[in-house]
Protein backbone atom coordinates (compact mmCIF):
# COMPACT_ATOMS: atom_id res chain seq x y z
CA MET A 1 0.00 0.00 0.00
CA ARG A 2 1.29 3.45 -0.90
CA ARG A 3 1.49 5.65 2.19
CA SER A 4 0.75 9.38 2.43
CA TYR A 5 2.50 11.14 5.30
CA LEU A 6 0.32 13.99 6.57
CA ASP A 7 1.85 14.52 10.02
CA TYR A 8 4.62 17.09 9.47
CA ASN A 9 3.83 18.91 12.73
CA ALA A 10 4.77 15.76 14.64
CA THR A 11 8.04 15.43 12.76
CA ALA A 12 9.14 16.38 9.27
CA PRO A 13 11.02 13.93 7.03
CA LEU A 14 14.78 14.36 7.14
CA ARG A 15 15.96 16.87 4.55
CA ALA A 16 18.58 15.75 2.06
CA GLU A 17 20.90 18.60 3.01
CA ALA A 18 20.65 17.71 6.70
CA ARG A 19 21.47 14.08 5.99
CA ALA A 20 24.44 15.11 3.85
CA ALA A 21 25.74 17.49 6.51
CA MET A 22 25.58 14.80 9.20
CA ILE A 23 27.28 12.16 7.08
CA ALA A 24 30.04 14.64 6.22
CA VAL A 25 30.97 15.17 9.90
CA MET A 26 30.45 11.69 11.33
CA ASP A 27 34.14 10.87 11.15
CA GLN A 28 35.21 14.10 12.88
CA VAL A 29 36.93 12.74 15.97
CA GLY A 30 37.56 15.85 18.07
CA ASN A 31 35.67 17.01 21.15
CA PRO A 32 34.50 20.62 20.67
CA SER A 33 35.93 21.51 24.07
CA SER A 34 39.43 20.30 23.23
CA VAL A 35 42.03 22.89 22.24
CA HIS A 36 43.97 20.78 19.74
CA ALA A 37 43.37 20.82 15.99
CA GLU A 38 40.81 18.02 16.05
CA GLY A 39 38.87 19.72 18.83
CA ARG A 40 38.94 23.04 17.02
CA ALA A 41 37.61 21.35 13.89
CA ALA A 42 34.68 19.91 15.83
CA LYS A 43 34.06 23.30 17.45
CA ALA A 44 34.02 24.91 14.00
CA ILE A 45 31.23 22.55 12.93
CA VAL A 46 29.15 23.57 15.94
CA GLU A 47 29.76 27.27 15.38
CA LYS A 48 28.94 27.02 11.67
CA ALA A 49 25.56 25.50 12.56
CA ARG A 50 24.98 28.15 15.19
CA GLY A 51 25.53 30.78 12.51
CA GLN A 52 23.23 29.04 10.03
CA ILE A 53 20.44 28.93 12.60
CA ALA A 54 21.01 32.55 13.59
CA MET A 55 20.65 33.64 9.97
CA ALA A 56 17.59 31.48 9.30
CA PHE A 57 15.82 32.57 12.49
CA GLY A 58 16.73 36.25 12.26
CA ALA A 59 18.74 35.93 15.45
CA VAL A 60 22.15 37.33 14.52
CA GLY A 61 23.73 38.67 17.72
CA ALA A 62 21.52 36.53 19.96
CA ASP A 63 22.81 33.56 21.97
CA ILE A 64 21.86 30.10 20.73
CA VAL A 65 22.13 27.33 23.31
CA PHE A 66 21.89 23.79 21.96
CA THR A 67 19.80 21.25 23.87
CA SER A 68 18.54 17.71 23.30
CA GLY A 69 15.31 19.08 21.82
CA ALA A 70 12.54 21.59 22.39
CA THR A 71 11.39 19.75 25.52
CA GLU A 72 14.73 20.32 27.23
CA ALA A 73 14.79 23.83 25.80
CA ALA A 74 11.43 24.51 27.49
CA ALA A 75 12.77 23.24 30.81
CA LEU A 76 15.91 25.33 30.47
CA ALA A 77 13.99 28.50 29.64
CA CYS A 78 11.03 28.08 32.00
CA ALA A 79 11.93 25.98 35.04
CA GLY A 80 11.78 27.77 38.37
CA ARG A 81 10.73 31.12 36.95
CA GLY A 82 7.05 31.12 37.97
CA LEU A 83 5.92 31.92 34.44
CA ARG A 84 2.31 32.20 33.39
CA GLY A 85 0.57 31.11 30.21
CA ALA A 86 -2.53 29.58 28.69
CA ASP A 87 -3.78 26.01 28.41
CA ILE A 88 -2.99 25.84 24.69
CA GLU A 89 0.75 25.47 25.22
CA HIS A 90 2.53 22.26 24.28
CA ASP A 91 2.94 19.76 27.12
CA ALA A 92 6.68 20.48 27.24
CA VAL A 93 5.91 24.11 28.13
CA ALA A 94 2.73 23.50 30.12
CA ALA A 95 4.72 21.43 32.63
CA TRP A 96 6.54 24.60 33.78
CA ILE A 97 3.86 27.32 33.81
CA GLN A 98 0.74 28.42 35.61
CA PRO A 99 -1.99 28.12 32.92
CA ASP A 100 -4.15 31.00 34.14
CA GLN A 101 -4.42 33.15 31.00
CA LEU A 102 -7.71 33.34 29.13
CA VAL A 103 -8.05 31.72 25.70
CA ARG A 104 -10.58 33.27 23.34
CA PRO A 105 -12.90 31.11 21.19
CA ASP A 106 -10.75 31.98 18.17
CA GLY A 107 -7.70 30.50 19.92
CA GLY A 108 -6.06 33.84 20.64
CA VAL A 109 -4.53 34.72 24.00
CA ALA A 110 -4.24 38.19 25.53
CA LEU A 111 -1.58 38.07 28.24
CA THR A 112 -1.89 40.33 31.27
CA GLU A 113 1.82 40.22 32.19
CA PRO A 114 3.92 39.43 29.09
CA GLU A 115 7.19 39.88 30.94
CA LYS A 116 6.17 36.99 33.23
CA SER A 117 4.58 34.83 30.56
CA VAL A 118 5.06 32.23 27.85
CA LEU A 119 3.13 32.31 24.57
CA GLN A 120 3.58 30.02 21.62
CA MET A 121 3.93 31.49 18.14
CA ALA A 122 1.70 28.85 16.54
CA ASN A 123 -0.27 25.94 17.94
CA SER A 124 0.77 22.46 16.84
CA GLU A 125 -2.81 21.09 16.86
CA THR A 126 -4.85 23.90 15.34
CA GLY A 127 -2.14 25.86 13.55
CA ILE A 128 -3.53 29.10 15.01
CA VAL A 129 -0.93 31.86 15.05
CA GLN A 130 -0.61 34.23 18.00
CA SER A 131 0.11 37.93 18.03
CA LEU A 132 3.08 38.19 20.37
CA PRO A 133 3.26 41.14 22.76
CA LYS A 134 6.46 43.07 23.30
CA GLY A 135 8.41 42.17 26.41
CA LEU A 136 7.34 38.51 26.33
CA ALA A 137 9.50 36.26 28.50
CA VAL A 138 9.47 33.12 26.33
CA THR A 139 7.89 32.05 23.05
CA ASP A 140 7.70 28.52 21.70
CA ALA A 141 8.61 28.91 18.03
CA SER A 142 8.96 25.19 17.29
CA GLN A 143 6.06 25.05 14.85
CA ALA A 144 6.40 28.52 13.34
CA PHE A 145 10.13 28.39 12.59
CA GLY A 146 10.60 27.47 8.95
CA LYS A 147 6.91 27.80 8.03
CA LEU A 148 6.34 31.49 8.74
CA PRO A 149 8.57 34.52 8.16
CA VAL A 150 10.04 34.98 11.64
CA ALA A 151 12.89 37.14 12.90
CA PHE A 152 13.73 36.63 16.55
CA ASN A 153 15.38 40.04 16.78
CA TRP A 154 12.08 41.69 15.86
CA LEU A 155 9.85 39.66 18.18
CA GLY A 156 10.56 41.51 21.38
CA ALA A 157 10.74 38.24 23.34
CA ASP A 158 13.60 37.41 25.67
CA MET A 159 13.80 33.76 24.62
CA ALA A 160 12.49 31.39 21.95
CA LEU A 161 12.39 27.59 21.72
CA ILE A 162 13.15 25.81 18.45
CA SER A 163 13.51 22.20 17.34
CA ALA A 164 15.40 20.59 14.46
CA HIS A 165 13.04 17.78 13.54
CA LYS A 166 10.15 20.18 12.88
CA ILE A 167 12.10 21.65 9.95
CA GLY A 168 13.54 18.46 8.50
CA GLY A 169 16.55 18.16 10.76
CA PRO A 170 17.40 15.20 13.00
CA LYS A 171 15.42 14.28 16.09
CA GLY A 172 17.02 14.89 19.46
CA ILE A 173 18.42 18.37 18.95
CA GLY A 174 16.89 21.78 19.71
CA ALA A 175 17.88 25.13 21.10
CA VAL A 176 16.99 28.07 23.28
CA VAL A 177 17.54 31.37 21.46
CA LEU A 178 17.94 34.25 23.87
CA ARG A 179 18.52 37.93 23.70
CA ARG A 180 22.11 38.80 24.50
CA GLY A 181 22.41 39.68 28.18
CA CYS A 182 19.47 37.57 29.39
CA ASP A 183 20.10 35.39 32.39
CA LEU A 184 19.60 31.64 31.96
CA ALA A 185 20.49 29.32 34.81
CA ALA A 186 21.88 25.96 33.72
CA GLN A 187 19.70 22.95 34.51
CA ILE A 188 22.42 20.49 33.48
CA LYS A 189 25.68 21.41 35.19
CA GLY A 190 29.17 20.13 34.63
CA GLY A 191 31.82 21.18 32.15
CA GLY A 192 30.36 24.57 31.30
CA GLN A 193 29.66 23.95 27.62
CA GLU A 194 27.24 26.17 25.66
CA MET A 195 28.38 29.36 27.36
CA GLY A 196 27.90 27.76 30.77
CA ARG A 197 24.18 27.31 30.19
CA ARG A 198 24.00 23.62 29.24
CA ALA A 199 26.80 21.27 30.23
CA GLY A 200 27.65 18.14 28.28
CA THR A 201 29.61 17.41 25.12
CA GLU A 202 27.77 18.86 22.16
CA ASN A 203 26.05 16.47 19.72
CA VAL A 204 28.20 17.57 16.79
CA VAL A 205 26.52 15.36 14.17
CA ALA A 206 22.97 16.40 15.07
CA ILE A 207 23.98 20.06 15.38
CA ALA A 208 25.43 19.95 11.87
CA GLY A 209 22.13 18.53 10.60
CA PHE A 210 20.19 21.21 12.47
CA GLY A 211 22.22 23.98 10.87
CA ALA A 212 21.82 22.57 7.36
CA ALA A 213 18.08 22.05 7.88
CA ALA A 214 17.65 25.63 9.12
CA GLU A 215 19.44 27.00 6.05
CA GLY A 216 17.33 24.85 3.73
CA ALA A 217 14.11 25.77 5.50
CA ALA A 218 14.89 29.47 5.12
CA GLN A 219 15.49 28.98 1.41
CA ASP A 220 12.17 27.16 1.02
CA LEU A 221 10.35 29.93 2.85
CA ALA A 222 11.91 32.63 0.66
CA ALA A 223 11.02 30.65 -2.46
CA GLY A 224 7.31 30.58 -1.55
CA VAL A 225 7.14 26.83 -0.94
CA TRP A 226 4.76 27.21 1.99
CA GLN A 227 2.39 29.40 0.01
CA ARG A 228 1.82 26.42 -2.27
CA VAL A 229 1.34 24.19 0.77
CA ALA A 230 -1.38 26.58 1.99
CA GLU A 231 -3.11 26.36 -1.38
CA ILE A 232 -3.13 22.55 -1.17
CA ARG A 233 -4.42 22.71 2.43
CA ASN A 234 -7.27 24.95 1.27
CA ILE A 235 -8.12 22.54 -1.56
CA LEU A 236 -8.31 19.76 1.02
CA GLU A 237 -10.59 21.71 3.35
CA THR A 238 -12.92 22.73 0.52
CA ALA A 239 -13.25 19.08 -0.55
CA LEU A 240 -14.04 17.99 3.02
CA GLU A 241 -16.58 20.76 3.55
CA THR A 242 -18.29 19.96 0.26
CA GLY A 243 -18.81 16.35 1.33
CA SER A 244 -19.70 16.94 4.99
CA LYS A 245 -21.89 19.79 6.16
CA GLU A 246 -21.30 19.04 9.84
CA ILE A 247 -17.52 19.05 9.75
CA ILE A 248 -15.90 21.62 12.03
CA LEU A 249 -12.62 23.13 10.81
CA VAL A 250 -10.99 24.70 13.85
CA GLY A 251 -9.47 28.09 13.18
CA ARG A 252 -10.82 28.24 9.63
CA ASP A 253 -11.25 32.02 9.75
CA THR A 254 -8.13 32.88 11.73
CA GLU A 255 -4.46 33.15 10.80
CA ARG A 256 -2.97 29.66 10.82
CA LEU A 257 0.15 27.83 9.86
CA PRO A 258 0.01 27.24 6.10
CA ASN A 259 0.02 23.46 6.45
CA THR A 260 -2.35 22.67 9.32
CA SER A 261 -5.98 21.52 9.39
CA CYS A 262 -7.71 20.55 12.63
CA LEU A 263 -11.09 18.99 11.95
CA ALA A 264 -13.81 17.30 13.96
CA VAL A 265 -17.17 15.62 13.44
CA PRO A 266 -19.41 15.36 16.53
CA GLY A 267 -19.55 11.78 17.80
CA TRP A 268 -16.80 10.38 15.55
CA LYS A 269 -13.87 9.78 17.87
CA GLY A 270 -10.51 11.11 16.78
CA GLU A 271 -8.81 7.87 17.78
CA THR A 272 -11.15 5.92 15.48
CA GLN A 273 -10.46 8.27 12.59
CA VAL A 274 -6.70 8.01 13.06
CA MET A 275 -6.83 4.21 13.01
CA GLN A 276 -9.16 4.07 10.01
CA MET A 277 -7.02 6.45 8.00
CA ASP A 278 -3.84 4.64 9.01
CA LEU A 279 -5.25 1.37 7.71
CA SER A 280 -6.12 3.22 4.50
CA GLY A 281 -2.56 4.45 4.07
CA PHE A 282 -2.66 7.95 5.59
CA ALA A 283 -0.58 9.08 8.57
CA VAL A 284 -2.49 11.70 10.59
CA SER A 285 -2.72 12.56 14.29
CA ALA A 286 -5.48 12.91 16.82
CA GLY A 287 -6.05 16.31 18.38
CA SER A 288 -3.60 15.51 21.15
CA ALA A 289 -1.42 12.52 21.94
CA CYS A 290 0.69 11.95 25.03
CA SER A 291 4.15 10.43 24.99
CA SER A 292 2.80 6.90 25.39
CA GLY A 293 0.81 7.26 22.19
CA LYS A 294 -2.57 7.04 23.93
CA VAL A 295 -5.10 9.40 22.44
CA LYS A 296 -6.95 11.78 24.74
CA ALA A 297 -9.32 14.70 24.31
CA SER A 298 -7.57 17.87 23.21
CA ARG A 299 -7.11 20.30 26.08
CA VAL A 300 -6.33 22.95 23.44
CA LEU A 301 -9.87 22.67 22.07
CA ARG A 302 -11.27 22.55 25.59
CA ALA A 303 -9.44 25.80 26.37
CA MET A 304 -11.01 27.35 23.27
CA GLY A 305 -14.48 26.52 24.59
CA TYR A 306 -15.26 23.30 22.75
CA GLY A 307 -16.96 20.61 24.79
CA GLN A 308 -15.20 17.50 26.06
CA ASP A 309 -16.99 15.26 23.57
CA LEU A 310 -16.06 17.32 20.53
CA ALA A 311 -12.50 17.76 21.81
CA ALA A 312 -12.19 13.97 21.70
CA CYS A 313 -13.32 13.92 18.07
CA ALA A 314 -10.59 16.07 16.53
CA ILE A 315 -7.84 14.99 14.17
CA ARG A 316 -4.98 17.00 12.73
CA LEU A 317 -3.54 16.95 9.26
CA SER A 318 -0.24 18.75 8.76
CA LEU A 319 1.12 18.90 5.23
CA GLY A 320 4.62 19.49 3.93
CA PRO A 321 6.45 20.69 0.85
CA ASN A 322 6.26 17.21 -0.67
CA THR A 323 2.50 16.84 -0.19
CA THR A 324 0.63 16.86 -3.50
CA GLU A 325 -2.85 17.96 -4.47
CA ALA A 326 -3.57 14.41 -5.59
CA GLU A 327 -2.69 13.08 -2.13
CA VAL A 328 -5.02 15.41 -0.25
CA LEU A 329 -7.88 14.80 -2.67
CA GLU A 330 -7.37 11.05 -2.25
CA PHE A 331 -7.42 11.57 1.51
CA ALA A 332 -10.65 13.57 1.22
CA ASP A 333 -12.27 10.78 -0.82
CA VAL A 334 -11.29 8.10 1.70
CA TRP A 335 -12.19 10.23 4.72
CA LEU A 336 -15.61 11.06 3.27
CA GLU A 337 -16.23 7.39 2.55
CA LYS A 338 -15.48 6.55 6.21
CA TYR A 339 -17.55 9.54 7.34
CA ASN A 340 -20.59 8.44 5.36
CA LYS A 341 -20.36 4.95 6.89
CA PHE A 342 -20.09 6.50 10.36
CA ARG A 343 -23.11 8.69 9.66
CA ALA A 344 -25.13 5.72 8.36
CA ARG A 345 -24.38 3.70 11.51
CA ALA A 346 -25.28 6.65 13.72
CA ALA A 347 -28.61 7.28 11.97
């Protein structure tokens, strides 16, 4: 069976340039902290990637601290700071904040104390994009980076979280980007690597892949690749709406990531839809999935005012540059076939 991968927000396929960059440095023997020639060569690889990411993210002059991923980046940026936020944040951020900020029905959040708060740039489930206030303490840019035109130096936030595998880099590498002069207490202590903010020998191979992926993602964005993805996403949603009058497309009339559709049909469980579509050859996600892979009702939709039952009926499609119009129309045909059978059984 031919498979269609429609889950880019979970992880994007590895980019060719990232793979090539990692293979090219795998035999580099030096430790980046060593002062001899081999160590300096390894350090140069790390610093090249840091520069590539700074350029791609509009963060020239900012500090970029490599971590094992966005989850560790969230802990590094948020732990012990008493930060506030809303209940739409990713679990990695939600674990460290007080979720006491109001979420509007359109998914937007108006923070009362930005300087003490966290606010994501774009939601991984709904794709809804936030308007970030000046003076924000931390923003989670993991989903927005590479899909939207973003320049950290213009955001007005102290820190941002980014992840390599969301832009076609390797899994297991991320970063905190922070405004020069900001304090950041190390959570992992030891040898003082990463400017004393994250101890441990740097993952040179993954960092090289991250840098190459960031450079490639910036080139795609400048070339208008994601505009075409948005057009394909809109074709998909039109096809689904034409075949189902009761479908709910979350965030349909708000600014969203160009690749994301969050949809629900009352009574048709998201978990059931995911399994049915998987068996039909399509990789999609439920509204929210925990680390064990068990599907649960989306707390993001609950925060937006949707009921518990509907929040358990959401699925997410997230497209990528390689997604074709034919693929999404085939998905729409199969989904509508399953929907009509569900509706017939429910009648």
